[in-house]
N, C-alpha and C. Protein backbone atom coordinates (compact mmCIF):
# COMPACT_ATOMS: atom_id res chain seq x y z
N UNK A 1 -9.74 21.43 1.89
CA UNK A 1 -9.88 21.81 0.49
C UNK A 1 -10.14 23.31 0.42
N UNK A 2 -9.43 23.98 -0.47
CA UNK A 2 -9.63 25.41 -0.66
C UNK A 2 -8.75 26.27 0.22
N UNK A 3 -7.96 25.68 1.12
CA UNK A 3 -7.09 26.45 2.00
C UNK A 3 -5.70 26.61 1.42
N UNK A 4 -4.88 27.36 2.14
CA UNK A 4 -3.48 27.56 1.75
C UNK A 4 -2.59 26.92 2.80
N UNK A 5 -1.43 26.45 2.38
CA UNK A 5 -0.43 25.95 3.31
C UNK A 5 0.94 26.40 2.83
N UNK A 6 1.86 26.51 3.76
CA UNK A 6 3.22 26.90 3.44
C UNK A 6 4.07 25.64 3.44
N UNK A 7 4.87 25.48 2.39
CA UNK A 7 5.76 24.33 2.26
C UNK A 7 7.18 24.85 2.12
N UNK A 8 8.08 24.36 2.95
CA UNK A 8 9.50 24.67 2.83
C UNK A 8 10.15 23.56 2.02
N UNK A 9 10.96 23.96 1.05
CA UNK A 9 11.70 22.97 0.27
C UNK A 9 13.08 23.53 -0.02
N UNK A 10 13.97 22.64 -0.42
CA UNK A 10 15.35 23.03 -0.73
C UNK A 10 15.79 22.27 -1.96
N UNK A 11 16.37 22.98 -2.89
CA UNK A 11 16.90 22.37 -4.11
C UNK A 11 18.34 22.83 -4.25
N UNK A 12 19.28 21.90 -4.21
CA UNK A 12 20.68 22.31 -4.28
C UNK A 12 21.30 22.14 -5.67
N UNK A 13 20.62 21.45 -6.57
CA UNK A 13 21.09 21.32 -7.94
C UNK A 13 19.96 21.74 -8.86
N UNK A 14 20.13 22.85 -9.51
CA UNK A 14 19.06 23.47 -10.29
C UNK A 14 19.10 22.99 -11.73
N UNK A 15 17.98 22.52 -12.23
CA UNK A 15 17.91 22.05 -13.61
C UNK A 15 16.76 22.70 -14.38
N UNK A 16 16.29 23.86 -13.92
CA UNK A 16 15.21 24.60 -14.59
C UNK A 16 13.98 23.73 -14.84
N UNK A 17 13.59 22.96 -13.87
CA UNK A 17 12.42 22.10 -13.99
C UNK A 17 11.27 22.62 -13.15
N UNK A 18 10.51 21.70 -12.59
CA UNK A 18 9.37 22.07 -11.76
C UNK A 18 9.21 21.06 -10.63
N UNK A 19 8.38 21.44 -9.66
CA UNK A 19 8.02 20.47 -8.63
C UNK A 19 6.50 20.39 -8.56
N UNK A 20 6.03 19.27 -8.11
CA UNK A 20 4.59 19.05 -7.92
C UNK A 20 4.38 18.51 -6.51
N UNK A 21 3.28 18.89 -5.90
CA UNK A 21 2.93 18.41 -4.57
C UNK A 21 1.56 17.75 -4.66
N UNK A 22 1.41 16.66 -3.94
CA UNK A 22 0.13 15.96 -3.87
C UNK A 22 -0.19 15.70 -2.40
N UNK A 23 -1.46 15.50 -2.12
CA UNK A 23 -1.91 15.22 -0.77
C UNK A 23 -2.68 13.91 -0.74
N UNK A 24 -2.83 13.37 0.43
CA UNK A 24 -3.65 12.18 0.63
C UNK A 24 -4.50 12.43 1.86
N UNK A 25 -5.76 12.10 1.77
CA UNK A 25 -6.68 12.29 2.90
C UNK A 25 -6.48 11.15 3.88
N UNK A 26 -6.08 11.49 5.09
CA UNK A 26 -5.84 10.48 6.11
C UNK A 26 -7.17 9.92 6.61
N UNK A 27 -7.16 8.65 6.94
CA UNK A 27 -8.35 7.96 7.43
C UNK A 27 -7.99 7.29 8.75
N UNK A 28 -8.58 7.77 9.86
CA UNK A 28 -8.28 7.19 11.17
C UNK A 28 -8.61 5.71 11.25
N UNK A 29 -9.57 5.26 10.44
CA UNK A 29 -9.95 3.86 10.45
C UNK A 29 -9.00 2.99 9.63
N UNK A 30 -8.16 3.62 8.83
CA UNK A 30 -7.21 2.89 7.99
C UNK A 30 -5.86 3.60 8.05
N UNK A 31 -5.10 3.40 9.14
CA UNK A 31 -3.82 4.12 9.32
C UNK A 31 -2.78 3.80 8.27
N UNK A 32 -2.93 2.71 7.53
CA UNK A 32 -1.96 2.36 6.49
C UNK A 32 -2.21 3.12 5.19
N UNK A 33 -3.38 3.79 5.11
CA UNK A 33 -3.68 4.55 3.90
C UNK A 33 -2.62 5.65 3.73
N UNK A 34 -2.37 6.05 2.52
CA UNK A 34 -1.37 7.06 2.17
C UNK A 34 0.05 6.51 2.28
N UNK A 35 0.19 5.23 2.06
CA UNK A 35 1.53 4.64 2.11
C UNK A 35 2.06 4.28 0.73
N UNK A 36 1.25 4.47 -0.30
CA UNK A 36 1.70 4.18 -1.66
C UNK A 36 1.48 5.40 -2.55
N UNK A 37 2.31 5.59 -3.57
CA UNK A 37 2.16 6.75 -4.46
C UNK A 37 0.78 6.84 -5.11
N UNK A 38 0.17 5.71 -5.43
CA UNK A 38 -1.12 5.73 -6.09
C UNK A 38 -2.21 6.39 -5.27
N UNK A 39 -2.07 6.38 -3.94
CA UNK A 39 -3.08 6.99 -3.08
C UNK A 39 -3.01 8.52 -3.07
N UNK A 40 -1.97 9.06 -3.68
CA UNK A 40 -1.83 10.50 -3.78
C UNK A 40 -2.30 11.01 -5.15
N UNK A 41 -2.41 10.12 -6.13
CA UNK A 41 -2.83 10.52 -7.48
C UNK A 41 -4.24 11.10 -7.45
N UNK A 42 -4.43 12.15 -8.23
CA UNK A 42 -5.73 12.82 -8.27
C UNK A 42 -5.92 13.86 -7.19
N UNK A 43 -4.91 14.03 -6.34
CA UNK A 43 -4.98 15.02 -5.25
C UNK A 43 -3.86 16.03 -5.38
N UNK A 44 -3.68 16.55 -6.59
CA UNK A 44 -2.61 17.51 -6.84
C UNK A 44 -2.94 18.84 -6.16
N UNK A 45 -1.93 19.43 -5.55
CA UNK A 45 -2.07 20.75 -4.93
C UNK A 45 -1.65 21.81 -5.94
N UNK A 46 -2.27 22.96 -5.91
CA UNK A 46 -1.95 24.04 -6.85
C UNK A 46 -0.88 24.94 -6.25
N UNK A 47 0.13 25.26 -7.05
CA UNK A 47 1.17 26.19 -6.64
C UNK A 47 0.63 27.61 -6.76
N UNK A 48 0.75 28.40 -5.71
CA UNK A 48 0.18 29.75 -5.70
C UNK A 48 1.25 30.82 -5.87
N UNK A 49 2.27 30.81 -4.99
CA UNK A 49 3.31 31.85 -5.10
C UNK A 49 4.54 31.45 -4.30
N UNK A 50 5.63 32.10 -4.63
CA UNK A 50 6.91 31.93 -3.96
C UNK A 50 6.99 32.97 -2.85
N UNK A 51 7.06 32.53 -1.60
CA UNK A 51 7.12 33.47 -0.47
C UNK A 51 8.54 33.92 -0.15
N UNK A 52 9.54 33.18 -0.61
CA UNK A 52 10.93 33.50 -0.28
C UNK A 52 11.52 34.51 -1.26
N UNK A 53 11.28 34.34 -2.55
CA UNK A 53 11.88 35.20 -3.56
C UNK A 53 10.84 35.92 -4.42
N UNK A 54 9.84 36.54 -3.82
CA UNK A 54 8.84 37.18 -4.68
C UNK A 54 9.40 38.36 -5.47
N UNK A 55 10.30 39.11 -4.87
CA UNK A 55 10.93 40.24 -5.55
C UNK A 55 12.33 40.43 -5.00
N UNK A 56 13.13 39.37 -5.00
CA UNK A 56 14.48 39.47 -4.45
C UNK A 56 15.29 40.48 -5.26
N UNK A 57 15.94 41.41 -4.56
CA UNK A 57 16.69 42.49 -5.22
C UNK A 57 18.09 42.57 -4.67
N UNK A 58 19.01 43.00 -5.52
CA UNK A 58 20.39 43.22 -5.13
C UNK A 58 20.43 44.38 -4.13
N UNK A 59 21.20 44.21 -3.05
CA UNK A 59 21.28 45.25 -2.01
C UNK A 59 21.87 46.56 -2.52
N UNK A 60 22.75 46.51 -3.49
CA UNK A 60 23.43 47.71 -3.98
C UNK A 60 22.67 48.35 -5.13
N UNK A 61 22.37 47.56 -6.15
CA UNK A 61 21.76 48.14 -7.36
C UNK A 61 20.24 48.16 -7.33
N UNK A 62 19.65 47.32 -6.50
CA UNK A 62 18.19 47.22 -6.48
C UNK A 62 17.63 46.39 -7.63
N UNK A 63 18.51 45.84 -8.46
CA UNK A 63 18.07 45.04 -9.60
C UNK A 63 17.62 43.66 -9.12
N UNK A 64 16.68 43.04 -9.82
CA UNK A 64 16.29 41.68 -9.44
C UNK A 64 17.50 40.76 -9.51
N UNK A 65 17.71 39.95 -8.46
CA UNK A 65 18.87 39.07 -8.45
C UNK A 65 18.52 37.60 -8.25
N UNK A 66 17.28 37.31 -8.06
CA UNK A 66 16.88 35.92 -7.92
C UNK A 66 15.44 35.80 -8.40
N UNK A 67 15.24 35.11 -9.50
CA UNK A 67 13.87 34.99 -9.99
C UNK A 67 13.02 34.13 -9.07
N UNK A 68 11.80 34.53 -8.91
CA UNK A 68 10.87 33.77 -8.09
C UNK A 68 10.39 32.53 -8.83
N UNK A 69 10.01 31.51 -8.07
CA UNK A 69 9.29 30.40 -8.70
C UNK A 69 7.96 30.97 -9.16
N UNK A 70 7.44 30.43 -10.20
CA UNK A 70 6.17 30.95 -10.70
C UNK A 70 5.24 29.80 -11.07
N UNK A 71 3.93 30.03 -10.99
CA UNK A 71 2.99 29.00 -11.40
C UNK A 71 2.97 28.88 -12.92
N UNK A 72 2.68 27.70 -13.40
CA UNK A 72 2.53 27.46 -14.83
C UNK A 72 1.03 27.42 -15.11
N UNK A 73 0.49 28.41 -15.83
CA UNK A 73 -0.95 28.45 -16.06
C UNK A 73 -1.50 27.19 -16.74
N UNK A 74 -0.68 26.53 -17.55
CA UNK A 74 -1.13 25.32 -18.22
C UNK A 74 -1.17 24.12 -17.27
N UNK A 75 -0.37 24.18 -16.21
CA UNK A 75 -0.29 23.10 -15.22
C UNK A 75 -0.28 23.72 -13.82
N UNK A 76 -1.45 24.06 -13.28
CA UNK A 76 -1.49 24.79 -12.00
C UNK A 76 -0.89 24.03 -10.82
N UNK A 77 -0.69 22.73 -10.97
CA UNK A 77 -0.08 21.96 -9.88
C UNK A 77 1.44 22.07 -9.87
N UNK A 78 2.03 22.73 -10.86
CA UNK A 78 3.49 22.83 -10.95
C UNK A 78 3.99 24.18 -10.43
N UNK A 79 5.06 24.13 -9.66
CA UNK A 79 5.83 25.30 -9.32
C UNK A 79 7.09 25.26 -10.18
N UNK A 80 7.29 26.25 -11.01
CA UNK A 80 8.41 26.23 -11.96
C UNK A 80 9.65 26.87 -11.34
N UNK A 81 10.75 26.15 -11.38
CA UNK A 81 12.02 26.71 -10.93
C UNK A 81 12.52 27.67 -12.00
N UNK A 82 12.98 28.81 -11.58
CA UNK A 82 13.45 29.84 -12.53
C UNK A 82 14.87 30.22 -12.19
N UNK A 83 15.66 30.53 -13.24
CA UNK A 83 17.01 31.05 -13.06
C UNK A 83 17.93 30.04 -12.59
């Protein structure tokens, strides 16, 4: 809790939506835990920043050419797809 992690993801069909990530605390005494969606509810991870496209620029003009994903202040667990 309170740490940062890097997540790689790929989206090949863009619909200007968002993604959400959740975690489940593993329990060595119950290896079957975290096998249903309900066990992830209430453990939403907060989106912090886009590491791939923070300031992507065109090689020739220097103009921004790929908008970064951005956090939604109203929903900190969402990473918003842009562009």
